[in-house]
Amino acid sequence: MSEISNHTLVSHAKELARRGRHADALRLLSLALSEFPYLSLDILAAAYDIAQAMPDKSRYAQYQSRYFDFDVKPGDKVLDMGSGHIPFPHATHLADISISNDNIGRAGNLFKYQGDKPVFECSIENTPFSNKEFDFVYCSHVLEHVSNPETACRELMRIGRRGYIECPTRGKDTFFATAKISNHHWAVECLNGVLIFTEYSEREKKGIECDILLTMNCSPQNMREKAIAGLGIIKASELNIMLLWEDSFPYEVRWQKMWPAHIKGPNNLSSSQEILHLPELSRCRLFILSLHRKINLLRAKIASKLASLIEPGV
């Protein structure tokens, strides 16, 4: 593939899509973008066109299946928690915070039923399901909206044996200015397998305070704008937090109210009581740092005392 034209590459991908092999076409374009970045405009614009032509426009079909083998087997009981208007294709059960009010979480899009699959109206923080009732729980672009991520995470682990979580990155929220208009309360990161939820301030929710990139992404008017929209499909792993989990997963919640403006580090903590109100992982880290500080102070006092007991010149 040392010598290849954008016409040949894109034409081959479009031919695969025409034969109904949309996933293969997008996989080809994804590999091609890494190999031939100088063809990015044509590759990304083609990816957008192919994704728009797909009969299944779920995130699973357009990009998640390129990154993960969800290993959902026939007979598995699968819940889509927050299924909305584009449910997980492998779901056997659907759940959403609101089925009738389409302005809650779906921006006016109608809730989509899937045949006779059972549908439940419930919050992710309080579901009606039994412990480990589901073999797989799919939760895509939901946790950034919740009131209490800790409660939501515990509930996912309680009702599911395995699952998948996806949330937008802070960068995606910032540059597309989606946090405020989409009611995202949390910036989500995944560091060494730990999901970290940081509560947005009102200022952070505004992002770049301009919807130009969002408009290009949602309604592209030319080839370059299609390329911007195509990034969300081809480079989805850089724009979203993706976590496939089994049995359980670690998490940390950072509330704005637990981090007063005057606190710049553990040395500024005025009492151990402030530490007790911090999220669990942060509390442990600050306790250890505070303990180190006390040990260092004690060492300094001992050294000073010893120095005073030793006569000069001895």
C-alpha atoms as a PDB file:
ATOM      1  CA  MET A   1       0.000   0.000   0.000  1.00  0.00           C
ATOM      2  CA  SER A   2       3.008   2.285  -0.498  1.00  0.00           C
ATOM      3  CA  GLU A   3       1.451   3.898  -3.533  1.00  0.00           C
ATOM      4  CA  ILE A   4      -2.254   4.505  -3.370  1.00  0.00           C
ATOM      5  CA  SER A   5      -4.513   7.307  -4.472  1.00  0.00           C
ATOM      6  CA  ASN A   6      -7.300   8.759  -2.399  1.00  0.00           C
ATOM      7  CA  HIS A   7      -9.657   7.908  -5.241  1.00  0.00           C
ATOM      8  CA  THR A   8      -8.728   4.198  -5.133  1.00  0.00           C
ATOM      9  CA  LEU A   9      -8.889   3.976  -1.365  1.00  0.00           C
ATOM     10  CA  VAL A  10     -12.176   5.810  -0.915  1.00  0.00           C
ATOM     11  CA  SER A  11     -13.733   4.050  -3.909  1.00  0.00           C
ATOM     12  CA  HIS A  12     -12.919   0.656  -2.404  1.00  0.00           C
ATOM     13  CA  ALA A  13     -14.466   1.638   0.922  1.00  0.00           C
ATOM     14  CA  LYS A  14     -17.594   2.945  -0.791  1.00  0.00           C
ATOM     15  CA  GLU A  15     -17.880  -0.263  -2.801  1.00  0.00           C
ATOM     16  CA  LEU A  16     -17.775  -2.290   0.413  1.00  0.00           C
ATOM     17  CA  ALA A  17     -20.525  -0.084   1.836  1.00  0.00           C
ATOM     18  CA  ARG A  18     -22.593  -0.485  -1.333  1.00  0.00           C
ATOM     19  CA  ARG A  19     -22.449  -4.258  -0.800  1.00  0.00           C
ATOM     20  CA  GLY A  20     -23.782  -3.777   2.714  1.00  0.00           C
ATOM     21  CA  ARG A  21     -20.391  -4.219   4.401  1.00  0.00           C
ATOM     22  CA  HIS A  22     -20.484  -0.852   6.146  1.00  0.00           C
ATOM     23  CA  ALA A  23     -18.490  -1.996   9.169  1.00  0.00           C
ATOM     24  CA  ASP A  24     -15.702  -3.329   6.934  1.00  0.00           C
ATOM     25  CA  ALA A  25     -15.698  -0.070   4.975  1.00  0.00           C
ATOM     26  CA  LEU A  26     -15.282   1.996   8.150  1.00  0.00           C
ATOM     27  CA  ARG A  27     -12.620  -0.381   9.438  1.00  0.00           C
ATOM     28  CA  LEU A  28     -10.691   0.085   6.195  1.00  0.00           C
ATOM     29  CA  LEU A  29     -10.948   3.873   6.446  1.00  0.00           C
ATOM     30  CA  SER A  30      -9.849   3.781  10.084  1.00  0.00           C
ATOM     31  CA  LEU A  31      -6.703   1.857   9.179  1.00  0.00           C
ATOM     32  CA  ALA A  32      -6.119   4.065   6.166  1.00  0.00           C
ATOM     33  CA  LEU A  33      -6.239   7.263   8.213  1.00  0.00           C
ATOM     34  CA  SER A  34      -3.411   6.009  10.419  1.00  0.00           C
ATOM     35  CA  GLU A  35      -1.387   4.896   7.413  1.00  0.00           C
ATOM     36  CA  PHE A  36      -2.092   7.860   5.124  1.00  0.00           C
ATOM     37  CA  PRO A  37      -2.824  10.966   7.219  1.00  0.00           C
ATOM     38  CA  TYR A  38      -2.261  13.199   4.171  1.00  0.00           C
ATOM     39  CA  LEU A  39      -5.489  11.743   2.744  1.00  0.00           C
ATOM     40  CA  SER A  40      -7.445  12.635   5.883  1.00  0.00           C
ATOM     41  CA  LEU A  41      -9.923  14.988   4.227  1.00  0.00           C
ATOM     42  CA  ASP A  42     -11.147  12.397   1.724  1.00  0.00           C
ATOM     43  CA  ILE A  43     -11.036   9.523   4.221  1.00  0.00           C
ATOM     44  CA  LEU A  44     -12.984  11.300   6.964  1.00  0.00           C
ATOM     45  CA  ALA A  45     -15.567  12.772   4.594  1.00  0.00           C
ATOM     46  CA  ALA A  46     -16.134   9.301   3.126  1.00  0.00           C
ATOM     47  CA  ALA A  47     -16.507   7.858   6.631  1.00  0.00           C
ATOM     48  CA  TYR A  48     -19.261  10.363   7.361  1.00  0.00           C
ATOM     49  CA  ASP A  49     -21.111   9.527   4.144  1.00  0.00           C
ATOM     50  CA  ILE A  50     -20.877   5.781   4.789  1.00  0.00           C
ATOM     51  CA  ALA A  51     -22.057   6.123   8.393  1.00  0.00           C
ATOM     52  CA  GLN A  52     -25.035   8.199   7.278  1.00  0.00           C
ATOM     53  CA  ALA A  53     -26.002   5.491   4.791  1.00  0.00           C
ATOM     54  CA  MET A  54     -25.949   2.717   7.385  1.00  0.00           C
ATOM     55  CA  PRO A  55     -29.352   1.217   8.202  1.00  0.00           C
ATOM     56  CA  ASP A  56     -28.169   0.751  11.800  1.00  0.00           C
ATOM     57  CA  LYS A  57     -26.940   4.103  13.102  1.00  0.00           C
ATOM     58  CA  SER A  58     -26.231   2.937  16.633  1.00  0.00           C
ATOM     59  CA  ARG A  59     -22.865   3.738  18.183  1.00  0.00           C
ATOM     60  CA  TYR A  60     -22.275  -0.006  18.354  1.00  0.00           C
ATOM     61  CA  ALA A  61     -22.610  -0.393  14.585  1.00  0.00           C
ATOM     62  CA  GLN A  62     -20.735   2.768  13.636  1.00  0.00           C
ATOM     63  CA  TYR A  63     -17.671   2.358  15.849  1.00  0.00           C
ATOM     64  CA  GLN A  64     -17.958   0.399  19.124  1.00  0.00           C
ATOM     65  CA  SER A  65     -17.838  -2.966  17.367  1.00  0.00           C
ATOM     66  CA  ARG A  66     -14.451  -1.978  15.845  1.00  0.00           C
ATOM     67  CA  TYR A  67     -12.925  -1.608  19.298  1.00  0.00           C
ATOM     68  CA  PHE A  68     -14.548  -4.378  21.313  1.00  0.00           C
ATOM     69  CA  ASP A  69     -15.885  -7.888  21.074  1.00  0.00           C
ATOM     70  CA  PHE A  70     -18.744  -7.585  23.545  1.00  0.00           C
ATOM     71  CA  ASP A  71     -19.043 -11.384  23.539  1.00  0.00           C
ATOM     72  CA  VAL A  72     -22.834 -11.330  23.864  1.00  0.00           C
ATOM     73  CA  LYS A  73     -23.988 -14.911  23.396  1.00  0.00           C
ATOM     74  CA  PRO A  74     -27.373 -16.273  22.295  1.00  0.00           C
ATOM     75  CA  GLY A  75     -29.578 -16.587  25.353  1.00  0.00           C
ATOM     76  CA  ASP A  76     -27.797 -13.834  27.298  1.00  0.00           C
ATOM     77  CA  LYS A  77     -30.023 -11.387  29.120  1.00  0.00           C
ATOM     78  CA  VAL A  78     -28.831  -7.938  27.999  1.00  0.00           C
ATOM     79  CA  LEU A  79     -30.005  -4.568  29.316  1.00  0.00           C
ATOM     80  CA  ASP A  80     -29.536  -1.254  27.543  1.00  0.00           C
ATOM     81  CA  MET A  81     -29.621   1.224  30.424  1.00  0.00           C
ATOM     82  CA  GLY A  82     -30.622   4.524  28.825  1.00  0.00           C
ATOM     83  CA  SER A  83     -31.584   3.065  25.447  1.00  0.00           C
ATOM     84  CA  GLY A  84     -33.335   6.211  24.154  1.00  0.00           C
ATOM     85  CA  HIS A  85     -33.974   6.514  20.433  1.00  0.00           C
ATOM     86  CA  ILE A  86     -31.008   4.419  19.211  1.00  0.00           C
ATOM     87  CA  PRO A  87     -30.884   1.262  21.371  1.00  0.00           C
ATOM     88  CA  PHE A  88     -28.099  -1.300  21.597  1.00  0.00           C
ATOM     89  CA  PRO A  89     -28.813  -3.886  18.860  1.00  0.00           C
ATOM     90  CA  HIS A  90     -28.074  -6.874  21.149  1.00  0.00           C
ATOM     91  CA  ALA A  91     -30.299  -5.679  24.006  1.00  0.00           C
ATOM     92  CA  THR A  92     -33.053  -8.013  25.170  1.00  0.00           C
ATOM     93  CA  HIS A  93     -34.391  -5.456  27.688  1.00  0.00           C
ATOM     94  CA  LEU A  94     -34.592  -1.656  27.434  1.00  0.00           C
ATOM     95  CA  ALA A  95     -34.624   0.946  30.190  1.00  0.00           C
ATOM     96  CA  ASP A  96     -34.806   4.729  30.104  1.00  0.00           C
ATOM     97  CA  ILE A  97     -35.389   7.534  32.571  1.00  0.00           C
ATOM     98  CA  SER A  98     -38.377   8.702  30.527  1.00  0.00           C
ATOM     99  CA  ILE A  99     -40.291   6.861  27.852  1.00  0.00           C
ATOM    100  CA  SER A 100     -43.019   9.419  27.145  1.00  0.00           C
ATOM    101  CA  ASN A 101     -41.233  12.752  27.655  1.00  0.00           C
ATOM    102  CA  ASP A 102     -38.907  12.922  24.667  1.00  0.00           C
ATOM    103  CA  ASN A 103     -37.263  16.151  25.820  1.00  0.00           C
ATOM    104  CA  ILE A 104     -35.577  14.350  28.724  1.00  0.00           C
ATOM    105  CA  GLY A 105     -32.284  13.017  27.415  1.00  0.00           C
ATOM    106  CA  ARG A 106     -33.336  12.674  23.774  1.00  0.00           C
ATOM    107  CA  ALA A 107     -33.692  16.285  22.595  1.00  0.00           C
ATOM    108  CA  GLY A 108     -37.144  15.591  21.184  1.00  0.00           C
ATOM    109  CA  ASN A 109     -36.388  12.242  19.540  1.00  0.00           C
ATOM    110  CA  LEU A 110     -39.031   9.571  20.076  1.00  0.00           C
ATOM    111  CA  PHE A 111     -38.229   6.641  22.336  1.00  0.00           C
ATOM    112  CA  LYS A 112     -37.599   3.585  20.151  1.00  0.00           C
ATOM    113  CA  TYR A 113     -39.221   0.296  21.031  1.00  0.00           C
ATOM    114  CA  GLN A 114     -37.705  -2.915  19.682  1.00  0.00           C
ATOM    115  CA  GLY A 115     -40.482  -5.344  18.874  1.00  0.00           C
ATOM    116  CA  ASP A 116     -41.837  -6.903  22.040  1.00  0.00           C
ATOM    117  CA  LYS A 117     -38.683  -6.439  24.110  1.00  0.00           C
ATOM    118  CA  PRO A 118     -39.532  -5.458  27.723  1.00  0.00           C
ATOM    119  CA  VAL A 119     -39.209  -1.754  28.475  1.00  0.00           C
ATOM    120  CA  PHE A 120     -38.673  -0.209  31.923  1.00  0.00           C
ATOM    121  CA  GLU A 121     -38.948   3.427  32.935  1.00  0.00           C
ATOM    122  CA  CYS A 122     -36.439   4.020  35.702  1.00  0.00           C
ATOM    123  CA  SER A 123     -33.388   5.965  36.787  1.00  0.00           C
ATOM    124  CA  ILE A 124     -29.977   4.315  36.560  1.00  0.00           C
ATOM    125  CA  GLU A 125     -29.552   5.218  40.233  1.00  0.00           C
ATOM    126  CA  ASN A 126     -32.617   3.247  41.267  1.00  0.00           C
ATOM    127  CA  THR A 127     -33.543   0.288  39.054  1.00  0.00           C
ATOM    128  CA  PRO A 128     -36.145  -2.414  39.733  1.00  0.00           C
ATOM    129  CA  PHE A 129     -33.826  -5.291  38.832  1.00  0.00           C
ATOM    130  CA  SER A 130     -32.433  -8.119  40.952  1.00  0.00           C
ATOM    131  CA  ASN A 131     -28.792  -8.649  41.863  1.00  0.00           C
ATOM    132  CA  LYS A 132     -26.783  -9.846  38.832  1.00  0.00           C
ATOM    133  CA  GLU A 133     -30.001 -10.218  36.839  1.00  0.00           C
ATOM    134  CA  PHE A 134     -28.311  -9.382  33.538  1.00  0.00           C
ATOM    135  CA  ASP A 135     -25.444 -11.104  31.786  1.00  0.00           C
ATOM    136  CA  PHE A 136     -24.481  -7.800  30.174  1.00  0.00           C
ATOM    137  CA  VAL A 137     -25.435  -4.173  30.893  1.00  0.00           C
ATOM    138  CA  TYR A 138     -24.809  -1.607  28.172  1.00  0.00           C
ATOM    139  CA  CYS A 139     -24.641   2.001  29.387  1.00  0.00           C
ATOM    140  CA  SER A 140     -23.639   4.480  26.690  1.00  0.00           C
ATOM    141  CA  HIS A 141     -23.626   8.264  27.226  1.00  0.00           C
ATOM    142  CA  VAL A 142     -25.673   8.142  30.410  1.00  0.00           C
ATOM    143  CA  LEU A 143     -23.376   8.493  33.424  1.00  0.00           C
ATOM    144  CA  GLU A 144     -22.340  12.046  32.561  1.00  0.00           C
ATOM    145  CA  HIS A 145     -25.969  13.072  33.204  1.00  0.00           C
ATOM    146  CA  VAL A 146     -26.627  11.473  36.589  1.00  0.00           C
ATOM    147  CA  SER A 147     -27.026  13.235  39.923  1.00  0.00           C
ATOM    148  CA  ASN A 148     -24.791  10.809  41.804  1.00  0.00           C
ATOM    149  CA  PRO A 149     -22.240   8.763  39.823  1.00  0.00           C
ATOM    150  CA  GLU A 150     -21.329   6.681  42.876  1.00  0.00           C
ATOM    151  CA  THR A 151     -24.907   5.426  43.251  1.00  0.00           C
ATOM    152  CA  ALA A 152     -25.183   4.831  39.496  1.00  0.00           C
ATOM    153  CA  CYS A 153     -21.918   2.869  39.297  1.00  0.00           C
ATOM    154  CA  ARG A 154     -22.871   0.694  42.242  1.00  0.00           C
ATOM    155  CA  GLU A 155     -26.229  -0.026  40.659  1.00  0.00           C
ATOM    156  CA  LEU A 156     -24.633  -1.080  37.360  1.00  0.00           C
ATOM    157  CA  MET A 157     -22.356  -3.498  39.192  1.00  0.00           C
ATOM    158  CA  ARG A 158     -25.233  -4.784  41.305  1.00  0.00           C
ATOM    159  CA  ILE A 159     -27.521  -5.706  38.409  1.00  0.00           C
ATOM    160  CA  GLY A 160     -24.915  -6.801  35.833  1.00  0.00           C
ATOM    161  CA  ARG A 161     -22.301  -9.527  35.555  1.00  0.00           C
ATOM    162  CA  ARG A 162     -20.468  -7.684  32.793  1.00  0.00           C
ATOM    163  CA  GLY A 163     -20.992  -4.451  30.964  1.00  0.00           C
ATOM    164  CA  TYR A 164     -19.859  -1.560  28.819  1.00  0.00           C
ATOM    165  CA  ILE A 165     -19.683   2.119  29.746  1.00  0.00           C
ATOM    166  CA  GLU A 166     -19.128   5.032  27.396  1.00  0.00           C
ATOM    167  CA  CYS A 167     -19.071   8.755  28.114  1.00  0.00           C
ATOM    168  CA  PRO A 168     -17.803  11.808  26.229  1.00  0.00           C
ATOM    169  CA  THR A 169     -14.375  13.114  27.164  1.00  0.00           C
ATOM    170  CA  ARG A 170     -13.911  16.522  28.737  1.00  0.00           C
ATOM    171  CA  GLY A 171     -12.274  17.669  25.505  1.00  0.00           C
ATOM    172  CA  LYS A 172     -15.284  16.637  23.444  1.00  0.00           C
ATOM    173  CA  ASP A 173     -17.624  18.481  25.799  1.00  0.00           C
ATOM    174  CA  THR A 174     -15.377  21.538  25.745  1.00  0.00           C
ATOM    175  CA  PHE A 175     -14.795  21.935  22.019  1.00  0.00           C
ATOM    176  CA  PHE A 176     -18.307  20.992  20.951  1.00  0.00           C
ATOM    177  CA  ALA A 177     -19.773  23.009  23.867  1.00  0.00           C
ATOM    178  CA  THR A 178     -22.169  20.162  24.667  1.00  0.00           C
ATOM    179  CA  ALA A 179     -22.000  19.950  28.467  1.00  0.00           C
ATOM    180  CA  LYS A 180     -24.464  22.754  29.155  1.00  0.00           C
ATOM    181  CA  ILE A 181     -26.956  22.122  26.359  1.00  0.00           C
ATOM    182  CA  SER A 182     -26.940  18.357  26.947  1.00  0.00           C
ATOM    183  CA  ASN A 183     -27.098  18.559  30.749  1.00  0.00           C
ATOM    184  CA  HIS A 184     -23.762  16.904  31.357  1.00  0.00           C
ATOM    185  CA  HIS A 185     -22.925  17.293  35.037  1.00  0.00           C
ATOM    186  CA  TRP A 186     -19.675  15.322  35.038  1.00  0.00           C
ATOM    187  CA  ALA A 187     -16.363  15.300  33.204  1.00  0.00           C
ATOM    188  CA  VAL A 188     -15.357  11.651  32.923  1.00  0.00           C
ATOM    189  CA  GLU A 189     -11.856  10.201  32.659  1.00  0.00           C
ATOM    190  CA  CYS A 190     -10.481   6.671  32.768  1.00  0.00           C
ATOM    191  CA  LEU A 191      -7.037   6.448  34.356  1.00  0.00           C
ATOM    192  CA  ASN A 192      -5.488   2.998  34.740  1.00  0.00           C
ATOM    193  CA  GLY A 193      -8.939   1.450  34.552  1.00  0.00           C
ATOM    194  CA  VAL A 194     -10.429   3.768  37.180  1.00  0.00           C
ATOM    195  CA  LEU A 195     -13.455   5.833  36.135  1.00  0.00           C
ATOM    196  CA  ILE A 196     -13.045   9.332  37.546  1.00  0.00           C
ATOM    197  CA  PHE A 197     -16.018  11.687  37.681  1.00  0.00           C
ATOM    198  CA  THR A 198     -15.278  15.380  38.229  1.00  0.00           C
ATOM    199  CA  GLU A 199     -18.259  17.652  38.723  1.00  0.00           C
ATOM    200  CA  TYR A 200     -18.378  20.452  36.159  1.00  0.00           C
ATOM    201  CA  SER A 201     -18.462  24.019  37.370  1.00  0.00           C
ATOM    202  CA  GLU A 202     -20.976  26.285  35.667  1.00  0.00           C
ATOM    203  CA  ARG A 203     -18.133  27.933  33.785  1.00  0.00           C
ATOM    204  CA  GLU A 204     -16.737  24.622  32.573  1.00  0.00           C
ATOM    205  CA  LYS A 205     -20.128  23.584  31.246  1.00  0.00           C
ATOM    206  CA  LYS A 206     -20.024  26.440  28.737  1.00  0.00           C
ATOM    207  CA  GLY A 207     -16.987  24.990  26.970  1.00  0.00           C
ATOM    208  CA  ILE A 208     -15.727  27.283  24.214  1.00  0.00           C
ATOM    209  CA  GLU A 209     -19.057  29.158  24.382  1.00  0.00           C
ATOM    210  CA  CYS A 210     -19.556  28.724  20.661  1.00  0.00           C
ATOM    211  CA  ASP A 211     -21.515  26.048  18.779  1.00  0.00           C
ATOM    212  CA  ILE A 212     -19.691  26.311  15.450  1.00  0.00           C
ATOM    213  CA  LEU A 213     -17.927  22.934  15.754  1.00  0.00           C
ATOM    214  CA  LEU A 214     -21.108  21.281  17.001  1.00  0.00           C
ATOM    215  CA  THR A 215     -23.057  22.668  14.045  1.00  0.00           C
ATOM    216  CA  MET A 216     -20.408  21.398  11.624  1.00  0.00           C
ATOM    217  CA  ASN A 217     -20.514  17.989  13.306  1.00  0.00           C
ATOM    218  CA  CYS A 218     -24.302  17.644  13.340  1.00  0.00           C
ATOM    219  CA  SER A 219     -25.108  19.277  10.024  1.00  0.00           C
ATOM    220  CA  PRO A 220     -22.027  19.462   7.762  1.00  0.00           C
ATOM    221  CA  GLN A 221     -22.389  21.652   4.694  1.00  0.00           C
ATOM    222  CA  ASN A 222     -19.224  20.819   2.780  1.00  0.00           C
ATOM    223  CA  MET A 223     -16.440  18.270   2.557  1.00  0.00           C
ATOM    224  CA  ARG A 224     -14.322  19.778   5.329  1.00  0.00           C
ATOM    225  CA  GLU A 225     -17.265  19.868   7.704  1.00  0.00           C
ATOM    226  CA  LYS A 226     -18.044  16.249   6.823  1.00  0.00           C
ATOM    227  CA  ALA A 227     -14.458  15.437   7.740  1.00  0.00           C
ATOM    228  CA  ILE A 228     -14.983  16.990  11.179  1.00  0.00           C
ATOM    229  CA  ALA A 229     -18.096  14.858  11.634  1.00  0.00           C
ATOM    230  CA  GLY A 230     -16.185  11.824  10.379  1.00  0.00           C
ATOM    231  CA  LEU A 231     -13.658  12.212  13.199  1.00  0.00           C
ATOM    232  CA  GLY A 232     -16.342  11.185  15.669  1.00  0.00           C
ATOM    233  CA  ILE A 233     -16.647   7.855  13.873  1.00  0.00           C
ATOM    234  CA  ILE A 234     -13.051   7.091  12.918  1.00  0.00           C
ATOM    235  CA  LYS A 235     -11.439   8.525  16.070  1.00  0.00           C
ATOM    236  CA  ALA A 236     -14.189   7.638  18.531  1.00  0.00           C
ATOM    237  CA  SER A 237     -11.761   6.250  21.116  1.00  0.00           C
ATOM    238  CA  GLU A 238     -10.081   9.667  21.435  1.00  0.00           C
ATOM    239  CA  LEU A 239     -13.386  11.503  21.838  1.00  0.00           C
ATOM    240  CA  ASN A 240     -15.062   9.098  24.238  1.00  0.00           C
ATOM    241  CA  ILE A 241     -14.262   7.204  27.411  1.00  0.00           C
ATOM    242  CA  MET A 242     -14.810   3.488  26.750  1.00  0.00           C
ATOM    243  CA  LEU A 243     -14.746   0.818  29.438  1.00  0.00           C
ATOM    244  CA  LEU A 244     -15.575  -2.869  29.080  1.00  0.00           C
ATOM    245  CA  TRP A 245     -15.883  -4.320  32.587  1.00  0.00           C
ATOM    246  CA  GLU A 246     -16.467  -7.691  34.244  1.00  0.00           C
ATOM    247  CA  ASP A 247     -17.735  -8.308  37.807  1.00  0.00           C
ATOM    248  CA  SER A 248     -16.906  -4.760  38.926  1.00  0.00           C
ATOM    249  CA  PHE A 249     -14.919  -1.629  38.144  1.00  0.00           C
ATOM    250  CA  PRO A 250     -13.204   1.011  40.334  1.00  0.00           C
ATOM    251  CA  TYR A 251     -14.404   4.604  40.320  1.00  0.00           C
ATOM    252  CA  GLU A 252     -13.812   7.938  42.022  1.00  0.00           C
ATOM    253  CA  VAL A 253     -16.178  10.902  42.372  1.00  0.00           C
ATOM    254  CA  ARG A 254     -14.892  14.444  42.791  1.00  0.00           C
ATOM    255  CA  TRP A 255     -17.567  16.899  43.921  1.00  0.00           C
ATOM    256  CA  GLN A 256     -17.018  20.634  43.510  1.00  0.00           C
ATOM    257  CA  LYS A 257     -18.388  21.293  46.995  1.00  0.00           C
ATOM    258  CA  MET A 258     -15.783  18.965  48.495  1.00  0.00           C
ATOM    259  CA  TRP A 259     -12.935  21.022  47.049  1.00  0.00           C
ATOM    260  CA  PRO A 260     -13.171  24.538  48.564  1.00  0.00           C
ATOM    261  CA  ALA A 261     -11.328  27.234  46.654  1.00  0.00           C
ATOM    262  CA  HIS A 262      -8.859  27.857  49.475  1.00  0.00           C
ATOM    263  CA  ILE A 263      -7.588  24.276  49.425  1.00  0.00           C
ATOM    264  CA  LYS A 264      -4.574  23.987  47.137  1.00  0.00           C
ATOM    265  CA  GLY A 265      -3.122  20.801  48.562  1.00  0.00           C
ATOM    266  CA  PRO A 266      -3.030  18.576  51.649  1.00  0.00           C
ATOM    267  CA  ASN A 267      -0.907  21.074  53.604  1.00  0.00           C
ATOM    268  CA  ASN A 268      -3.833  23.496  53.579  1.00  0.00           C
ATOM    269  CA  LEU A 269      -6.246  21.134  55.301  1.00  0.00           C
ATOM    270  CA  SER A 270      -7.303  22.699  58.578  1.00  0.00           C
ATOM    271  CA  SER A 271      -8.617  19.524  60.186  1.00  0.00           C
ATOM    272  CA  SER A 272      -9.065  15.800  59.702  1.00  0.00           C
ATOM    273  CA  GLN A 273     -12.814  16.417  59.477  1.00  0.00           C
ATOM    274  CA  GLU A 274     -12.369  17.971  56.016  1.00  0.00           C
ATOM    275  CA  ILE A 275     -10.643  14.800  54.846  1.00  0.00           C
ATOM    276  CA  LEU A 276     -13.553  12.629  55.999  1.00  0.00           C
ATOM    277  CA  HIS A 277     -15.944  14.347  53.593  1.00  0.00           C
ATOM    278  CA  LEU A 278     -13.823  13.761  50.510  1.00  0.00           C
ATOM    279  CA  PRO A 279     -14.511  10.878  48.057  1.00  0.00           C
ATOM    280  CA  GLU A 280     -12.947   7.621  49.157  1.00  0.00           C
ATOM    281  CA  LEU A 281      -9.879   7.481  46.900  1.00  0.00           C
ATOM    282  CA  SER A 282      -9.089  11.189  47.308  1.00  0.00           C
ATOM    283  CA  ARG A 283      -9.562  10.843  51.069  1.00  0.00           C
ATOM    284  CA  CYS A 284      -6.967   8.050  51.229  1.00  0.00           C
ATOM    285  CA  ARG A 285      -4.460   9.963  49.132  1.00  0.00           C
ATOM    286  CA  LEU A 286      -4.820  13.131  51.185  1.00  0.00           C
ATOM    287  CA  PHE A 287      -4.633  11.193  54.446  1.00  0.00           C
ATOM    288  CA  ILE A 288      -1.331   9.599  53.358  1.00  0.00           C
ATOM    289  CA  LEU A 289       0.081  12.959  52.253  1.00  0.00           C
ATOM    290  CA  SER A 290      -1.056  14.575  55.492  1.00  0.00           C
ATOM    291  CA  LEU A 291       0.547  11.728  57.473  1.00  0.00           C
ATOM    292  CA  HIS A 292       3.824  12.209  55.590  1.00  0.00           C
ATOM    293  CA  ARG A 293       3.708  15.901  56.455  1.00  0.00           C
ATOM    294  CA  LYS A 294       3.230  15.148  60.171  1.00  0.00           C
ATOM    295  CA  ILE A 295       6.094  12.626  60.122  1.00  0.00           C
ATOM    296  CA  ASN A 296       8.393  15.173  58.481  1.00  0.00           C
ATOM    297  CA  LEU A 297       7.440  17.791  61.085  1.00  0.00           C
ATOM    298  CA  LEU A 298       8.120  15.295  63.874  1.00  0.00           C
ATOM    299  CA  ARG A 299      11.504  14.439  62.384  1.00  0.00           C
ATOM    300  CA  ALA A 300      12.382  18.117  62.237  1.00  0.00           C
ATOM    301  CA  LYS A 301      11.431  18.592  65.891  1.00  0.00           C
ATOM    302  CA  ILE A 302      13.501  15.579  66.963  1.00  0.00           C
ATOM    303  CA  ALA A 303      16.493  16.788  64.967  1.00  0.00           C
ATOM    304  CA  SER A 304      16.174  20.251  66.504  1.00  0.00           C
ATOM    305  CA  LYS A 305      15.919  18.782  70.027  1.00  0.00           C
ATOM    306  CA  LEU A 306      18.967  16.590  69.477  1.00  0.00           C
ATOM    307  CA  ALA A 307      20.924  19.509  68.131  1.00  0.00           C
ATOM    308  CA  SER A 308      20.153  21.562  71.264  1.00  0.00           C
ATOM    309  CA  LEU A 309      21.408  18.757  73.508  1.00  0.00           C
ATOM    310  CA  ILE A 310      24.751  18.499  71.759  1.00  0.00           C
ATOM    311  CA  GLU A 311      27.302  21.059  72.889  1.00  0.00           C
ATOM    312  CA  PRO A 312      29.060  22.985  70.112  1.00  0.00           C
ATOM    313  CA  GLY A 313      32.415  21.537  69.246  1.00  0.00           C
ATOM    314  CA  VAL A 314      31.710  18.121  70.792  1.00  0.00           C
END
